[in-house]
Amino acid sequence: MGADLAVVLPGQAALAIECKYTDDLSYVVRDGYHQGMTYLAELAEVNRLAAVAVVGPDGVVPLGTRTMTALGSIDLVPSATLAAWVTTAGSFDHA
């Protein structure tokens, strides 16, 4: 797994964070989504619940952007809200 940060509890749940610190939103979204899907596929091999955050700069990444997939969620997260994402993603209320 090549995520910038991953927390994996085998057989339970996993969170992965991918950082894309650029002003180019299309790069953050496109490359972040592709990498996020790859991480979800890898995590699905050992966990039923998984979530990925693609983190970008405040003011570039829109707040509250989520894609639900069969494997878990991929969220675009402004850097200032990452701590809140980790707290709420960790509960898997959205999974």
PDB file of N, CA and C in Angstrom:
ATOM      1  N   MET A   1       0.846  -1.169   0.000  1.00  0.00           N
ATOM      2  CA  MET A   1       0.000   0.000   0.000  1.00  0.00           C
ATOM      3  C   MET A   1       0.894   1.236   0.000  1.00  0.00           C
ATOM      4  N   GLY A   2       0.523   2.200  -0.816  1.00  0.00           N
ATOM      5  CA  GLY A   2       1.342   3.395  -0.936  1.00  0.00           C
ATOM      6  C   GLY A   2       0.706   4.653  -0.383  1.00  0.00           C
ATOM      7  N   ALA A   3      -0.311   4.513   0.463  1.00  0.00           N
ATOM      8  CA  ALA A   3      -0.952   5.698   1.042  1.00  0.00           C
ATOM      9  C   ALA A   3       0.047   6.481   1.879  1.00  0.00           C
ATOM     10  N   ASP A   4      -0.160   7.800   1.963  1.00  0.00           N
ATOM     11  CA  ASP A   4       0.707   8.618   2.805  1.00  0.00           C
ATOM     12  C   ASP A   4       0.588   8.210   4.266  1.00  0.00           C
ATOM     13  N   LEU A   5      -0.621   7.805   4.672  1.00  0.00           N
ATOM     14  CA  LEU A   5      -0.844   7.329   6.035  1.00  0.00           C
ATOM     15  C   LEU A   5      -1.986   6.324   5.999  1.00  0.00           C
ATOM     16  N   ALA A   6      -1.818   5.221   6.686  1.00  0.00           N
ATOM     17  CA  ALA A   6      -2.899   4.231   6.781  1.00  0.00           C
ATOM     18  C   ALA A   6      -2.932   3.672   8.195  1.00  0.00           C
ATOM     19  N   VAL A   7      -4.141   3.495   8.696  1.00  0.00           N
ATOM     20  CA  VAL A   7      -4.356   2.845   9.985  1.00  0.00           C
ATOM     21  C   VAL A   7      -5.233   1.639   9.685  1.00  0.00           C
ATOM     22  N   VAL A   8      -4.691   0.454   9.927  1.00  0.00           N
ATOM     23  CA  VAL A   8      -5.381  -0.775   9.570  1.00  0.00           C
ATOM     24  C   VAL A   8      -5.514  -1.664  10.798  1.00  0.00           C
ATOM     25  N   LEU A   9      -6.739  -2.028  11.103  1.00  0.00           N
ATOM     26  CA  LEU A   9      -7.028  -3.009  12.143  1.00  0.00           C
ATOM     27  C   LEU A   9      -7.515  -4.250  11.404  1.00  0.00           C
ATOM     28  N   PRO A  10      -6.634  -5.219  11.142  1.00  0.00           N
ATOM     29  CA  PRO A  10      -6.996  -6.371  10.309  1.00  0.00           C
ATOM     30  C   PRO A  10      -8.296  -7.035  10.764  1.00  0.00           C
ATOM     31  N   GLY A  11      -9.163  -7.268   9.795  1.00  0.00           N
ATOM     32  CA  GLY A  11     -10.435  -7.900  10.071  1.00  0.00           C
ATOM     33  C   GLY A  11     -11.484  -6.973  10.651  1.00  0.00           C
ATOM     34  N   GLN A  12     -11.121  -5.699  10.891  1.00  0.00           N
ATOM     35  CA  GLN A  12     -12.074  -4.761  11.500  1.00  0.00           C
ATOM     36  C   GLN A  12     -12.341  -3.567  10.591  1.00  0.00           C
ATOM     37  N   ALA A  13     -11.409  -2.640  10.517  1.00  0.00           N
ATOM     38  CA  ALA A  13     -11.615  -1.416   9.750  1.00  0.00           C
ATOM     39  C   ALA A  13     -10.272  -0.806   9.369  1.00  0.00           C
ATOM     40  N   ALA A  14     -10.330   0.109   8.397  1.00  0.00           N
ATOM     41  CA  ALA A  14      -9.101   0.766   7.962  1.00  0.00           C
ATOM     42  C   ALA A  14      -9.399   2.169   7.452  1.00  0.00           C
ATOM     43  N   LEU A  15      -8.460   3.071   7.693  1.00  0.00           N
ATOM     44  CA  LEU A  15      -8.498   4.436   7.175  1.00  0.00           C
ATOM     45  C   LEU A  15      -7.207   4.665   6.406  1.00  0.00           C
ATOM     46  N   ALA A  16      -7.309   5.286   5.242  1.00  0.00           N
ATOM     47  CA  ALA A  16      -6.115   5.655   4.481  1.00  0.00           C
ATOM     48  C   ALA A  16      -6.219   7.133   4.126  1.00  0.00           C
ATOM     49  N   ILE A  17      -5.081   7.811   4.154  1.00  0.00           N
ATOM     50  CA  ILE A  17      -5.033   9.238   3.836  1.00  0.00           C
ATOM     51  C   ILE A  17      -4.009   9.444   2.731  1.00  0.00           C
ATOM     52  N   GLU A  18      -4.437  10.124   1.679  1.00  0.00           N
ATOM     53  CA  GLU A  18      -3.571  10.458   0.554  1.00  0.00           C
ATOM     54  C   GLU A  18      -3.513  11.973   0.436  1.00  0.00           C
ATOM     55  N   CYS A  19      -2.321  12.547   0.489  1.00  0.00           N
ATOM     56  CA  CYS A  19      -2.149  14.001   0.433  1.00  0.00           C
ATOM     57  C   CYS A  19      -1.783  14.441  -0.979  1.00  0.00           C
ATOM     58  N   LYS A  20      -2.497  15.427  -1.464  1.00  0.00           N
ATOM     59  CA  LYS A  20      -2.243  16.040  -2.770  1.00  0.00           C
ATOM     60  C   LYS A  20      -2.177  17.538  -2.550  1.00  0.00           C
ATOM     61  N   TYR A  21      -1.019  18.049  -2.210  1.00  0.00           N
ATOM     62  CA  TYR A  21      -0.920  19.464  -1.860  1.00  0.00           C
ATOM     63  C   TYR A  21      -0.509  20.275  -3.084  1.00  0.00           C
ATOM     64  N   THR A  22      -1.527  20.666  -3.859  1.00  0.00           N
ATOM     65  CA  THR A  22      -1.331  21.476  -5.053  1.00  0.00           C
ATOM     66  C   THR A  22      -2.564  22.352  -5.258  1.00  0.00           C
ATOM     67  N   ASP A  23      -2.411  23.426  -5.999  1.00  0.00           N
ATOM     68  CA  ASP A  23      -3.543  24.290  -6.310  1.00  0.00           C
ATOM     69  C   ASP A  23      -4.359  23.772  -7.491  1.00  0.00           C
ATOM     70  N   ASP A  24      -3.947  22.676  -8.097  1.00  0.00           N
ATOM     71  CA  ASP A  24      -4.614  22.101  -9.258  1.00  0.00           C
ATOM     72  C   ASP A  24      -5.683  21.105  -8.798  1.00  0.00           C
ATOM     73  N   LEU A  25      -6.929  21.587  -8.678  1.00  0.00           N
ATOM     74  CA  LEU A  25      -8.022  20.745  -8.182  1.00  0.00           C
ATOM     75  C   LEU A  25      -8.215  19.502  -9.044  1.00  0.00           C
ATOM     76  N   SER A  26      -8.076  19.631 -10.359  1.00  0.00           N
ATOM     77  CA  SER A  26      -8.284  18.464 -11.214  1.00  0.00           C
ATOM     78  C   SER A  26      -7.261  17.371 -10.906  1.00  0.00           C
ATOM     79  N   TYR A  27      -6.037  17.750 -10.581  1.00  0.00           N
ATOM     80  CA  TYR A  27      -5.025  16.764 -10.191  1.00  0.00           C
ATOM     81  C   TYR A  27      -5.397  16.108  -8.861  1.00  0.00           C
ATOM     82  N   VAL A  28      -5.809  16.910  -7.899  1.00  0.00           N
ATOM     83  CA  VAL A  28      -6.202  16.375  -6.592  1.00  0.00           C
ATOM     84  C   VAL A  28      -7.330  15.366  -6.773  1.00  0.00           C
ATOM     85  N   VAL A  29      -8.350  15.754  -7.517  1.00  0.00           N
ATOM     86  CA  VAL A  29      -9.526  14.899  -7.690  1.00  0.00           C
ATOM     87  C   VAL A  29      -9.192  13.661  -8.514  1.00  0.00           C
ATOM     88  N   ARG A  30      -8.627  13.839  -9.684  1.00  0.00           N
ATOM     89  CA  ARG A  30      -8.365  12.720 -10.602  1.00  0.00           C
ATOM     90  C   ARG A  30      -7.375  11.725 -10.014  1.00  0.00           C
ATOM     91  N   ASP A  31      -6.191  12.186  -9.672  1.00  0.00           N
ATOM     92  CA  ASP A  31      -5.166  11.275  -9.162  1.00  0.00           C
ATOM     93  C   ASP A  31      -5.525  10.767  -7.769  1.00  0.00           C
ATOM     94  N   GLY A  32      -6.104  11.638  -6.955  1.00  0.00           N
ATOM     95  CA  GLY A  32      -6.512  11.213  -5.618  1.00  0.00           C
ATOM     96  C   GLY A  32      -7.575  10.133  -5.666  1.00  0.00           C
ATOM     97  N   TYR A  33      -8.564  10.288  -6.565  1.00  0.00           N
ATOM     98  CA  TYR A  33      -9.616   9.280  -6.704  1.00  0.00           C
ATOM     99  C   TYR A  33      -9.035   7.948  -7.164  1.00  0.00           C
ATOM    100  N   HIS A  34      -8.187   7.974  -8.176  1.00  0.00           N
ATOM    101  CA  HIS A  34      -7.584   6.723  -8.668  1.00  0.00           C
ATOM    102  C   HIS A  34      -6.772   6.031  -7.583  1.00  0.00           C
ATOM    103  N   GLN A  35      -5.978   6.788  -6.864  1.00  0.00           N
ATOM    104  CA  GLN A  35      -5.198   6.189  -5.777  1.00  0.00           C
ATOM    105  C   GLN A  35      -6.112   5.693  -4.665  1.00  0.00           C
ATOM    106  N   GLY A  36      -7.140   6.479  -4.338  1.00  0.00           N
ATOM    107  CA  GLY A  36      -8.083   6.069  -3.303  1.00  0.00           C
ATOM    108  C   GLY A  36      -8.767   4.758  -3.638  1.00  0.00           C
ATOM    109  N   MET A  37      -9.186   4.597  -4.892  1.00  0.00           N
ATOM    110  CA  MET A  37      -9.819   3.338  -5.300  1.00  0.00           C
ATOM    111  C   MET A  37      -8.846   2.171  -5.179  1.00  0.00           C
ATOM    112  N   THR A  38      -7.601   2.402  -5.513  1.00  0.00           N
ATOM    113  CA  THR A  38      -6.591   1.353  -5.379  1.00  0.00           C
ATOM    114  C   THR A  38      -6.439   0.962  -3.915  1.00  0.00           C
ATOM    115  N   TYR A  39      -6.386   1.946  -3.028  1.00  0.00           N
ATOM    116  CA  TYR A  39      -6.248   1.646  -1.598  1.00  0.00           C
ATOM    117  C   TYR A  39      -7.470   0.889  -1.084  1.00  0.00           C
ATOM    118  N   LEU A  40      -8.675   1.292  -1.512  1.00  0.00           N
ATOM    119  CA  LEU A  40      -9.873   0.582  -1.077  1.00  0.00           C
ATOM    120  C   LEU A  40      -9.844  -0.873  -1.536  1.00  0.00           C
ATOM    121  N   ALA A  41      -9.401  -1.110  -2.758  1.00  0.00           N
ATOM    122  CA  ALA A  41      -9.315  -2.485  -3.258  1.00  0.00           C
ATOM    123  C   ALA A  41      -8.320  -3.299  -2.442  1.00  0.00           C
ATOM    124  N   GLU A  42      -7.185  -2.694  -2.108  1.00  0.00           N
ATOM    125  CA  GLU A  42      -6.189  -3.395  -1.294  1.00  0.00           C
ATOM    126  C   GLU A  42      -6.712  -3.651   0.119  1.00  0.00           C
ATOM    127  N   LEU A  43      -7.367  -2.661   0.699  1.00  0.00           N
ATOM    128  CA  LEU A  43      -7.883  -2.800   2.062  1.00  0.00           C
ATOM    129  C   LEU A  43      -9.034  -3.799   2.145  1.00  0.00           C
ATOM    130  N   ALA A  44      -9.807  -3.917   1.067  1.00  0.00           N
ATOM    131  CA  ALA A  44     -10.947  -4.835   1.058  1.00  0.00           C
ATOM    132  C   ALA A  44     -10.513  -6.288   1.224  1.00  0.00           C
ATOM    133  N   GLU A  45      -9.265  -6.572   0.924  1.00  0.00           N
ATOM    134  CA  GLU A  45      -8.759  -7.934   1.078  1.00  0.00           C
ATOM    135  C   GLU A  45      -8.682  -8.347   2.545  1.00  0.00           C
ATOM    136  N   VAL A  46      -8.550  -7.373   3.450  1.00  0.00           N
ATOM    137  CA  VAL A  46      -8.405  -7.702   4.877  1.00  0.00           C
ATOM    138  C   VAL A  46      -9.445  -7.055   5.783  1.00  0.00           C
ATOM    139  N   ASN A  47     -10.258  -6.138   5.226  1.00  0.00           N
ATOM    140  CA  ASN A  47     -11.223  -5.411   6.052  1.00  0.00           C
ATOM    141  C   ASN A  47     -12.546  -5.228   5.324  1.00  0.00           C
ATOM    142  N   ARG A  48     -13.618  -5.361   6.066  1.00  0.00           N
ATOM    143  CA  ARG A  48     -14.949  -5.115   5.512  1.00  0.00           C
ATOM    144  C   ARG A  48     -15.235  -3.625   5.428  1.00  0.00           C
ATOM    145  N   LEU A  49     -14.725  -2.840   6.375  1.00  0.00           N
ATOM    146  CA  LEU A  49     -14.960  -1.399   6.426  1.00  0.00           C
ATOM    147  C   LEU A  49     -13.684  -0.640   6.112  1.00  0.00           C
ATOM    148  N   ALA A  50     -13.778   0.285   5.163  1.00  0.00           N
ATOM    149  CA  ALA A  50     -12.610   1.088   4.814  1.00  0.00           C
ATOM    150  C   ALA A  50     -13.060   2.464   4.339  1.00  0.00           C
ATOM    151  N   ALA A  51     -12.217   3.456   4.593  1.00  0.00           N
ATOM    152  CA  ALA A  51     -12.477   4.821   4.140  1.00  0.00           C
ATOM    153  C   ALA A  51     -11.152   5.462   3.750  1.00  0.00           C
ATOM    154  N   VAL A  52     -11.207   6.304   2.725  1.00  0.00           N
ATOM    155  CA  VAL A  52     -10.012   7.005   2.244  1.00  0.00           C
ATOM    156  C   VAL A  52     -10.306   8.495   2.206  1.00  0.00           C
ATOM    157  N   ALA A  53      -9.349   9.279   2.663  1.00  0.00           N
ATOM    158  CA  ALA A  53      -9.407  10.740   2.528  1.00  0.00           C
ATOM    159  C   ALA A  53      -8.327  11.176   1.559  1.00  0.00           C
ATOM    160  N   VAL A  54      -8.716  11.974   0.582  1.00  0.00           N
ATOM    161  CA  VAL A  54      -7.767  12.642  -0.297  1.00  0.00           C
ATOM    162  C   VAL A  54      -7.712  14.080   0.203  1.00  0.00           C
ATOM    163  N   VAL A  55      -6.578  14.463   0.760  1.00  0.00           N
ATOM    164  CA  VAL A  55      -6.437  15.764   1.412  1.00  0.00           C
ATOM    165  C   VAL A  55      -5.753  16.741   0.471  1.00  0.00           C
ATOM    166  N   GLY A  56      -6.353  17.927   0.367  1.00  0.00           N
ATOM    167  CA  GLY A  56      -5.781  18.994  -0.438  1.00  0.00           C
ATOM    168  C   GLY A  56      -5.822  20.301   0.328  1.00  0.00           C
ATOM    169  N   PRO A  57      -5.279  21.345  -0.274  1.00  0.00           N
ATOM    170  CA  PRO A  57      -5.205  22.637   0.408  1.00  0.00           C
ATOM    171  C   PRO A  57      -6.582  23.250   0.673  1.00  0.00           C
ATOM    172  N   ASP A  58      -6.700  23.945   1.789  1.00  0.00           N
ATOM    173  CA  ASP A  58      -7.907  24.717   2.079  1.00  0.00           C
ATOM    174  C   ASP A  58      -8.107  25.727   0.949  1.00  0.00           C
ATOM    175  N   GLY A  59      -9.344  25.934   0.568  1.00  0.00           N
ATOM    176  CA  GLY A  59      -9.648  26.874  -0.501  1.00  0.00           C
ATOM    177  C   GLY A  59      -9.538  26.270  -1.891  1.00  0.00           C
ATOM    178  N   VAL A  60      -8.955  25.107  -2.006  1.00  0.00           N
ATOM    179  CA  VAL A  60      -8.858  24.405  -3.288  1.00  0.00           C
ATOM    180  C   VAL A  60      -9.830  23.232  -3.295  1.00  0.00           C
ATOM    181  N   VAL A  61      -9.812  22.467  -2.231  1.00  0.00           N
ATOM    182  CA  VAL A  61     -10.664  21.288  -2.120  1.00  0.00           C
ATOM    183  C   VAL A  61     -12.001  21.688  -1.503  1.00  0.00           C
ATOM    184  N   PRO A  62     -13.119  21.363  -2.171  1.00  0.00           N
ATOM    185  CA  PRO A  62     -14.425  21.697  -1.599  1.00  0.00           C
ATOM    186  C   PRO A  62     -14.745  20.845  -0.384  1.00  0.00           C
ATOM    187  N   LEU A  63     -15.467  21.416   0.544  1.00  0.00           N
ATOM    188  CA  LEU A  63     -15.846  20.710   1.763  1.00  0.00           C
ATOM    189  C   LEU A  63     -17.034  19.788   1.490  1.00  0.00           C
ATOM    190  N   GLY A  64     -16.990  18.596   2.059  1.00  0.00           N
ATOM    191  CA  GLY A  64     -18.131  17.694   2.002  1.00  0.00           C
ATOM    192  C   GLY A  64     -18.296  16.933   0.712  1.00  0.00           C
ATOM    193  N   THR A  65     -17.214  16.626   0.023  1.00  0.00           N
ATOM    194  CA  THR A  65     -17.291  15.879  -1.219  1.00  0.00           C
ATOM    195  C   THR A  65     -16.965  14.414  -0.955  1.00  0.00           C
ATOM    196  N   ARG A  66     -17.957  13.552  -1.161  1.00  0.00           N
ATOM    197  CA  ARG A  66     -17.792  12.121  -0.864  1.00  0.00           C
ATOM    198  C   ARG A  66     -18.262  11.281  -2.046  1.00  0.00           C
ATOM    199  N   THR A  67     -17.516  10.232  -2.335  1.00  0.00           N
ATOM    200  CA  THR A  67     -17.927   9.234  -3.309  1.00  0.00           C
ATOM    201  C   THR A  67     -18.042   7.910  -2.585  1.00  0.00           C
ATOM    202  N   MET A  68     -19.237   7.323  -2.650  1.00  0.00           N
ATOM    203  CA  MET A  68     -19.432   6.000  -2.059  1.00  0.00           C
ATOM    204  C   MET A  68     -19.183   4.955  -3.139  1.00  0.00           C
ATOM    205  N   THR A  69     -18.442   3.925  -2.794  1.00  0.00           N
ATOM    206  CA  THR A  69     -18.180   2.824  -3.714  1.00  0.00           C
ATOM    207  C   THR A  69     -18.591   1.525  -3.034  1.00  0.00           C
ATOM    208  N   ALA A  70     -18.553   0.451  -3.770  1.00  0.00           N
ATOM    209  CA  ALA A  70     -18.872  -0.857  -3.192  1.00  0.00           C
ATOM    210  C   ALA A  70     -17.848  -1.262  -2.139  1.00  0.00           C
ATOM    211  N   LEU A  71     -16.670  -0.659  -2.180  1.00  0.00           N
ATOM    212  CA  LEU A  71     -15.591  -1.029  -1.262  1.00  0.00           C
ATOM    213  C   LEU A  71     -15.462  -0.105  -0.063  1.00  0.00           C
ATOM    214  N   GLY A  72     -16.069   1.066  -0.118  1.00  0.00           N
ATOM    215  CA  GLY A  72     -15.945   2.050   0.962  1.00  0.00           C
ATOM    216  C   GLY A  72     -16.078   3.446   0.394  1.00  0.00           C
ATOM    217  N   SER A  73     -15.746   4.440   1.197  1.00  0.00           N
ATOM    218  CA  SER A  73     -15.906   5.830   0.763  1.00  0.00           C
ATOM    219  C   SER A  73     -14.562   6.481   0.466  1.00  0.00           C
ATOM    220  N   ILE A  74     -14.620   7.443  -0.463  1.00  0.00           N
ATOM    221  CA  ILE A  74     -13.474   8.308  -0.758  1.00  0.00           C
ATOM    222  C   ILE A  74     -13.970   9.733  -0.554  1.00  0.00           C
ATOM    223  N   ASP A  75     -13.327  10.451   0.344  1.00  0.00           N
ATOM    224  CA  ASP A  75     -13.704  11.828   0.637  1.00  0.00           C
ATOM    225  C   ASP A  75     -12.598  12.788   0.217  1.00  0.00           C
ATOM    226  N   LEU A  76     -12.981  13.903  -0.412  1.00  0.00           N
ATOM    227  CA  LEU A  76     -12.051  15.011  -0.626  1.00  0.00           C
ATOM    228  C   LEU A  76     -12.125  15.873   0.619  1.00  0.00           C
ATOM    229  N   VAL A  77     -10.979  16.129   1.228  1.00  0.00           N
ATOM    230  CA  VAL A  77     -10.949  16.778   2.539  1.00  0.00           C
ATOM    231  C   VAL A  77      -9.979  17.954   2.523  1.00  0.00           C
ATOM    232  N   PRO A  78     -10.466  19.162   2.820  1.00  0.00           N
ATOM    233  CA  PRO A  78      -9.536  20.284   3.015  1.00  0.00           C
ATOM    234  C   PRO A  78      -8.643  19.986   4.221  1.00  0.00           C
ATOM    235  N   SER A  79      -7.402  20.399   4.152  1.00  0.00           N
ATOM    236  CA  SER A  79      -6.455  20.049   5.219  1.00  0.00           C
ATOM    237  C   SER A  79      -6.914  20.499   6.602  1.00  0.00           C
ATOM    238  N   ALA A  80      -7.612  21.625   6.694  1.00  0.00           N
ATOM    239  CA  ALA A  80      -8.047  22.119   8.005  1.00  0.00           C
ATOM    240  C   ALA A  80      -9.097  21.219   8.655  1.00  0.00           C
ATOM    241  N   THR A  81      -9.752  20.371   7.869  1.00  0.00           N
ATOM    242  CA  THR A  81     -10.811  19.520   8.428  1.00  0.00           C
ATOM    243  C   THR A  81     -10.393  18.054   8.554  1.00  0.00           C
ATOM    244  N   LEU A  82      -9.123  17.770   8.350  1.00  0.00           N
ATOM    245  CA  LEU A  82      -8.670  16.376   8.407  1.00  0.00           C
ATOM    246  C   LEU A  82      -8.929  15.729   9.763  1.00  0.00           C
ATOM    247  N   ALA A  83      -8.657  16.431  10.850  1.00  0.00           N
ATOM    248  CA  ALA A  83      -8.875  15.850  12.187  1.00  0.00           C
ATOM    249  C   ALA A  83     -10.340  15.467  12.386  1.00  0.00           C
ATOM    250  N   ALA A  84     -11.244  16.321  11.933  1.00  0.00           N
ATOM    251  CA  ALA A  84     -12.672  16.006  12.051  1.00  0.00           C
ATOM    252  C   ALA A  84     -13.026  14.803  11.189  1.00  0.00           C
ATOM    253  N   TRP A  85     -12.434  14.703   9.986  1.00  0.00           N
ATOM    254  CA  TRP A  85     -12.699  13.554   9.120  1.00  0.00           C
ATOM    255  C   TRP A  85     -12.262  12.265   9.798  1.00  0.00           C
ATOM    256  N   VAL A  86     -11.070  12.262  10.375  1.00  0.00           N
ATOM    257  CA  VAL A  86     -10.574  11.054  11.030  1.00  0.00           C
ATOM    258  C   VAL A  86     -11.544  10.625  12.151  1.00  0.00           C
ATOM    259  N   THR A  87     -12.035  11.594  12.899  1.00  0.00           N
ATOM    260  CA  THR A  87     -12.973  11.282  13.982  1.00  0.00           C
ATOM    261  C   THR A  87     -14.265  10.687  13.456  1.00  0.00           C
ATOM    262  N   THR A  88     -14.840  11.277  12.410  1.00  0.00           N
ATOM    263  CA  THR A  88     -16.122  10.781  11.907  1.00  0.00           C
ATOM    264  C   THR A  88     -15.949   9.553  11.021  1.00  0.00           C
ATOM    265  N   ALA A  89     -14.898   9.491  10.240  1.00  0.00           N
ATOM    266  CA  ALA A  89     -14.670   8.305   9.395  1.00  0.00           C
ATOM    267  C   ALA A  89     -14.407   7.096  10.254  1.00  0.00           C
ATOM    268  N   GLY A  90     -13.756   7.311  11.384  1.00  0.00           N
ATOM    269  CA  GLY A  90     -13.453   6.225  12.286  1.00  0.00           C
ATOM    270  C   GLY A  90     -14.679   5.563  12.880  1.00  0.00           C
ATOM    271  N   SER A  91     -15.814   6.287  12.886  1.00  0.00           N
ATOM    272  CA  SER A  91     -17.046   5.695  13.418  1.00  0.00           C
ATOM    273  C   SER A  91     -17.749   4.855  12.375  1.00  0.00           C
ATOM    274  N   PHE A  92     -17.430   5.049  11.092  1.00  0.00           N
ATOM    275  CA  PHE A  92     -18.016   4.338   9.969  1.00  0.00           C
ATOM    276  C   PHE A  92     -19.531   4.469   9.927  1.00  0.00           C
ATOM    277  N   ASP A  93     -20.038   5.626  10.378  1.00  0.00           N
ATOM    278  CA  ASP A  93     -21.483   5.870  10.308  1.00  0.00           C
ATOM    279  C   ASP A  93     -21.949   5.924   8.852  1.00  0.00           C
ATOM    280  N   HIS A  94     -21.032   6.225   7.941  1.00  0.00           N
ATOM    281  CA  HIS A  94     -21.394   6.378   6.528  1.00  0.00           C
ATOM    282  C   HIS A  94     -21.168   5.103   5.742  1.00  0.00           C
ATOM    283  N   ALA A  95     -20.570   4.092   6.330  1.00  0.00           N
ATOM    284  CA  ALA A  95     -20.215   2.884   5.567  1.00  0.00           C
ATOM    285  C   ALA A  95     -21.405   1.969   5.395  1.00  0.00           C
TER     286      ALA A  95
END
